[in-house]
Amino acid sequence: MCSHVNDSGFWMYKGYFNLSLKDTFKSWSLMETIVGVVGIIMVLLLDAVV
């Protein structure tokens, strides 16, 4: 869920979408939070099924 600014994806995302550092932090944090929450929900669903 937590990513670090040393992640190359962070800087590629910033450059590709031509965002400021502040906007990149906001959108990157939201995206990583969504990915983490959806991931844990899917793991829990799979655990309940299997």
PDB file of N, CA and C in Angstrom:
ATOM      1  N   MET A   1       0.827  -1.196   0.000  1.00  0.00           N
ATOM      2  CA  MET A   1       0.000   0.000   0.000  1.00  0.00           C
ATOM      3  C   MET A   1       0.865   1.251   0.000  1.00  0.00           C
ATOM      4  N   CYS A   2       1.981   1.193   0.650  1.00  0.00           N
ATOM      5  CA  CYS A   2       2.845   2.369   0.716  1.00  0.00           C
ATOM      6  C   CYS A   2       3.976   2.235  -0.286  1.00  0.00           C
ATOM      7  N   SER A   3       4.171   3.275  -1.018  1.00  0.00           N
ATOM      8  CA  SER A   3       5.246   3.297  -2.001  1.00  0.00           C
ATOM      9  C   SER A   3       6.183   4.440  -1.644  1.00  0.00           C
ATOM     10  N   HIS A   4       7.387   4.325  -2.081  1.00  0.00           N
ATOM     11  CA  HIS A   4       8.396   5.314  -1.749  1.00  0.00           C
ATOM     12  C   HIS A   4       8.716   6.141  -2.985  1.00  0.00           C
ATOM     13  N   VAL A   5       9.160   7.389  -2.783  1.00  0.00           N
ATOM     14  CA  VAL A   5       9.470   8.250  -3.917  1.00  0.00           C
ATOM     15  C   VAL A   5      10.680   7.747  -4.708  1.00  0.00           C
ATOM     16  N   ASN A   6      11.427   6.821  -4.145  1.00  0.00           N
ATOM     17  CA  ASN A   6      12.526   6.215  -4.890  1.00  0.00           C
ATOM     18  C   ASN A   6      12.026   5.179  -5.882  1.00  0.00           C
ATOM     19  N   ASP A   7      10.742   4.901  -5.866  1.00  0.00           N
ATOM     20  CA  ASP A   7      10.127   3.989  -6.826  1.00  0.00           C
ATOM     21  C   ASP A   7      10.158   4.658  -8.203  1.00  0.00           C
ATOM     22  N   SER A   8      10.717   3.982  -9.179  1.00  0.00           N
ATOM     23  CA  SER A   8      10.816   4.569 -10.517  1.00  0.00           C
ATOM     24  C   SER A   8       9.442   4.833 -11.122  1.00  0.00           C
ATOM     25  N   GLY A   9       8.451   4.034 -10.746  1.00  0.00           N
ATOM     26  CA  GLY A   9       7.094   4.250 -11.241  1.00  0.00           C
ATOM     27  C   GLY A   9       6.541   5.598 -10.838  1.00  0.00           C
ATOM     28  N   PHE A  10       6.896   6.054  -9.647  1.00  0.00           N
ATOM     29  CA  PHE A  10       6.458   7.362  -9.154  1.00  0.00           C
ATOM     30  C   PHE A  10       6.942   8.461 -10.084  1.00  0.00           C
ATOM     31  N   TRP A  11       8.211   8.410 -10.434  1.00  0.00           N
ATOM     32  CA  TRP A  11       8.795   9.460 -11.274  1.00  0.00           C
ATOM     33  C   TRP A  11       8.336   9.337 -12.721  1.00  0.00           C
ATOM     34  N   MET A  12       8.121   8.116 -13.188  1.00  0.00           N
ATOM     35  CA  MET A  12       7.593   7.944 -14.542  1.00  0.00           C
ATOM     36  C   MET A  12       6.169   8.487 -14.624  1.00  0.00           C
ATOM     37  N   TYR A  13       5.381   8.224 -13.609  1.00  0.00           N
ATOM     38  CA  TYR A  13       4.007   8.729 -13.530  1.00  0.00           C
ATOM     39  C   TYR A  13       4.006  10.250 -13.542  1.00  0.00           C
ATOM     40  N   LYS A  14       4.891  10.844 -12.747  1.00  0.00           N
ATOM     41  CA  LYS A  14       5.002  12.306 -12.683  1.00  0.00           C
ATOM     42  C   LYS A  14       5.375  12.885 -14.039  1.00  0.00           C
ATOM     43  N   GLY A  15       6.341  12.283 -14.691  1.00  0.00           N
ATOM     44  CA  GLY A  15       6.778  12.794 -15.979  1.00  0.00           C
ATOM     45  C   GLY A  15       5.782  12.559 -17.095  1.00  0.00           C
ATOM     46  N   TYR A  16       5.170  11.391 -17.112  1.00  0.00           N
ATOM     47  CA  TYR A  16       4.235  11.042 -18.178  1.00  0.00           C
ATOM     48  C   TYR A  16       3.004  11.940 -18.159  1.00  0.00           C
ATOM     49  N   PHE A  17       2.481  12.220 -16.961  1.00  0.00           N
ATOM     50  CA  PHE A  17       1.287  13.044 -16.843  1.00  0.00           C
ATOM     51  C   PHE A  17       1.604  14.516 -16.606  1.00  0.00           C
ATOM     52  N   ASN A  18       2.896  14.862 -16.590  1.00  0.00           N
ATOM     53  CA  ASN A  18       3.348  16.250 -16.442  1.00  0.00           C
ATOM     54  C   ASN A  18       2.727  16.915 -15.210  1.00  0.00           C
ATOM     55  N   LEU A  19       2.831  16.241 -14.065  1.00  0.00           N
ATOM     56  CA  LEU A  19       2.251  16.729 -12.823  1.00  0.00           C
ATOM     57  C   LEU A  19       3.309  17.406 -11.959  1.00  0.00           C
ATOM     58  N   SER A  20       2.844  18.281 -11.077  1.00  0.00           N
ATOM     59  CA  SER A  20       3.748  18.845 -10.082  1.00  0.00           C
ATOM     60  C   SER A  20       4.012  17.775  -9.027  1.00  0.00           C
ATOM     61  N   LEU A  21       5.029  17.989  -8.216  1.00  0.00           N
ATOM     62  CA  LEU A  21       5.356  17.017  -7.181  1.00  0.00           C
ATOM     63  C   LEU A  21       4.200  16.872  -6.189  1.00  0.00           C
ATOM     64  N   LYS A  22       3.563  17.986  -5.839  1.00  0.00           N
ATOM     65  CA  LYS A  22       2.430  17.958  -4.907  1.00  0.00           C
ATOM     66  C   LYS A  22       1.267  17.146  -5.474  1.00  0.00           C
ATOM     67  N   ASP A  23       0.935  17.395  -6.750  1.00  0.00           N
ATOM     68  CA  ASP A  23      -0.161  16.652  -7.381  1.00  0.00           C
ATOM     69  C   ASP A  23       0.181  15.175  -7.540  1.00  0.00           C
ATOM     70  N   THR A  24       1.450  14.891  -7.811  1.00  0.00           N
ATOM     71  CA  THR A  24       1.869  13.499  -7.938  1.00  0.00           C
ATOM     72  C   THR A  24       1.718  12.769  -6.619  1.00  0.00           C
ATOM     73  N   PHE A  25       2.119  13.408  -5.512  1.00  0.00           N
ATOM     74  CA  PHE A  25       1.956  12.788  -4.193  1.00  0.00           C
ATOM     75  C   PHE A  25       0.492  12.495  -3.903  1.00  0.00           C
ATOM     76  N   LYS A  26      -0.378  13.446  -4.207  1.00  0.00           N
ATOM     77  CA  LYS A  26      -1.801  13.257  -3.936  1.00  0.00           C
ATOM     78  C   LYS A  26      -2.375  12.082  -4.732  1.00  0.00           C
ATOM     79  N   SER A  27      -2.162  12.104  -6.032  1.00  0.00           N
ATOM     80  CA  SER A  27      -2.762  11.070  -6.874  1.00  0.00           C
ATOM     81  C   SER A  27      -2.086   9.717  -6.680  1.00  0.00           C
ATOM     82  N   TRP A  28      -0.772   9.700  -6.490  1.00  0.00           N
ATOM     83  CA  TRP A  28      -0.035   8.449  -6.287  1.00  0.00           C
ATOM     84  C   TRP A  28      -0.467   7.795  -4.971  1.00  0.00           C
ATOM     85  N   SER A  29      -0.617   8.608  -3.921  1.00  0.00           N
ATOM     86  CA  SER A  29      -1.041   8.070  -2.622  1.00  0.00           C
ATOM     87  C   SER A  29      -2.442   7.485  -2.713  1.00  0.00           C
ATOM     88  N   LEU A  30      -3.342   8.178  -3.388  1.00  0.00           N
ATOM     89  CA  LEU A  30      -4.704   7.673  -3.554  1.00  0.00           C
ATOM     90  C   LEU A  30      -4.697   6.368  -4.340  1.00  0.00           C
ATOM     91  N   MET A  31      -3.945   6.331  -5.427  1.00  0.00           N
ATOM     92  CA  MET A  31      -3.888   5.129  -6.257  1.00  0.00           C
ATOM     93  C   MET A  31      -3.319   3.946  -5.471  1.00  0.00           C
ATOM     94  N   GLU A  32      -2.237   4.165  -4.748  1.00  0.00           N
ATOM     95  CA  GLU A  32      -1.616   3.087  -3.981  1.00  0.00           C
ATOM     96  C   GLU A  32      -2.530   2.610  -2.857  1.00  0.00           C
ATOM     97  N   THR A  33      -3.286   3.512  -2.261  1.00  0.00           N
ATOM     98  CA  THR A  33      -4.236   3.128  -1.217  1.00  0.00           C
ATOM     99  C   THR A  33      -5.338   2.249  -1.795  1.00  0.00           C
ATOM    100  N   ILE A  34      -5.861   2.638  -2.955  1.00  0.00           N
ATOM    101  CA  ILE A  34      -6.905   1.841  -3.609  1.00  0.00           C
ATOM    102  C   ILE A  34      -6.373   0.465  -3.971  1.00  0.00           C
ATOM    103  N   VAL A  35      -5.170   0.409  -4.528  1.00  0.00           N
ATOM    104  CA  VAL A  35      -4.568  -0.872  -4.902  1.00  0.00           C
ATOM    105  C   VAL A  35      -4.400  -1.757  -3.658  1.00  0.00           C
ATOM    106  N   GLY A  36      -3.939  -1.182  -2.556  1.00  0.00           N
ATOM    107  CA  GLY A  36      -3.743  -1.950  -1.330  1.00  0.00           C
ATOM    108  C   GLY A  36      -5.040  -2.471  -0.743  1.00  0.00           C
ATOM    109  N   VAL A  37      -6.055  -1.626  -0.710  1.00  0.00           N
ATOM    110  CA  VAL A  37      -7.346  -2.023  -0.132  1.00  0.00           C
ATOM    111  C   VAL A  37      -8.010  -3.095  -0.998  1.00  0.00           C
ATOM    112  N   VAL A  38      -8.013  -2.893  -2.307  1.00  0.00           N
ATOM    113  CA  VAL A  38      -8.600  -3.898  -3.204  1.00  0.00           C
ATOM    114  C   VAL A  38      -7.827  -5.206  -3.100  1.00  0.00           C
ATOM    115  N   GLY A  39      -6.510  -5.115  -2.987  1.00  0.00           N
ATOM    116  CA  GLY A  39      -5.695  -6.319  -2.854  1.00  0.00           C
ATOM    117  C   GLY A  39      -6.027  -7.118  -1.612  1.00  0.00           C
ATOM    118  N   ILE A  40      -6.145  -6.447  -0.470  1.00  0.00           N
ATOM    119  CA  ILE A  40      -6.440  -7.174   0.770  1.00  0.00           C
ATOM    120  C   ILE A  40      -7.857  -7.743   0.746  1.00  0.00           C
ATOM    121  N   ILE A  41      -8.788  -7.017   0.130  1.00  0.00           N
ATOM    122  CA  ILE A  41     -10.159  -7.534   0.006  1.00  0.00           C
ATOM    123  C   ILE A  41     -10.172  -8.795  -0.856  1.00  0.00           C
ATOM    124  N   MET A  42      -9.436  -8.788  -1.959  1.00  0.00           N
ATOM    125  CA  MET A  42      -9.387  -9.969  -2.828  1.00  0.00           C
ATOM    126  C   MET A  42      -8.740 -11.159  -2.104  1.00  0.00           C
ATOM    127  N   VAL A  43      -7.705 -10.909  -1.340  1.00  0.00           N
ATOM    128  CA  VAL A  43      -7.066 -11.991  -0.583  1.00  0.00           C
ATOM    129  C   VAL A  43      -8.025 -12.589   0.431  1.00  0.00           C
ATOM    130  N   LEU A  44      -8.756 -11.711   1.125  1.00  0.00           N
ATOM    131  CA  LEU A  44      -9.717 -12.200   2.115  1.00  0.00           C
ATOM    132  C   LEU A  44     -10.858 -12.975   1.454  1.00  0.00           C
ATOM    133  N   LEU A  45     -11.322 -12.516   0.305  1.00  0.00           N
ATOM    134  CA  LEU A  45     -12.368 -13.247  -0.427  1.00  0.00           C
ATOM    135  C   LEU A  45     -11.865 -14.623  -0.888  1.00  0.00           C
ATOM    136  N   LEU A  46     -10.658 -14.651  -1.406  1.00  0.00           N
ATOM    137  CA  LEU A  46     -10.096 -15.930  -1.829  1.00  0.00           C
ATOM    138  C   LEU A  46      -9.901 -16.875  -0.637  1.00  0.00           C
ATOM    139  N   ASP A  47      -9.506 -16.320   0.497  1.00  0.00           N
ATOM    140  CA  ASP A  47      -9.339 -17.144   1.694  1.00  0.00           C
ATOM    141  C   ASP A  47     -10.678 -17.714   2.155  1.00  0.00           C
ATOM    142  N   ALA A  48     -11.736 -16.934   2.028  1.00  0.00           N
ATOM    143  CA  ALA A  48     -13.051 -17.400   2.450  1.00  0.00           C
ATOM    144  C   ALA A  48     -13.584 -18.489   1.510  1.00  0.00           C
ATOM    145  N   VAL A  49     -13.239 -18.418   0.252  1.00  0.00           N
ATOM    146  CA  VAL A  49     -13.733 -19.370  -0.747  1.00  0.00           C
ATOM    147  C   VAL A  49     -12.940 -20.671  -0.703  1.00  0.00           C
ATOM    148  N   VAL A  50     -11.653 -20.566  -0.582  1.00  0.00           N
ATOM    149  CA  VAL A  50     -10.795 -21.756  -0.673  1.00  0.00           C
ATOM    150  C   VAL A  50     -10.665 -22.425   0.630  1.00  0.00           C
TER     151      VAL A  50
END
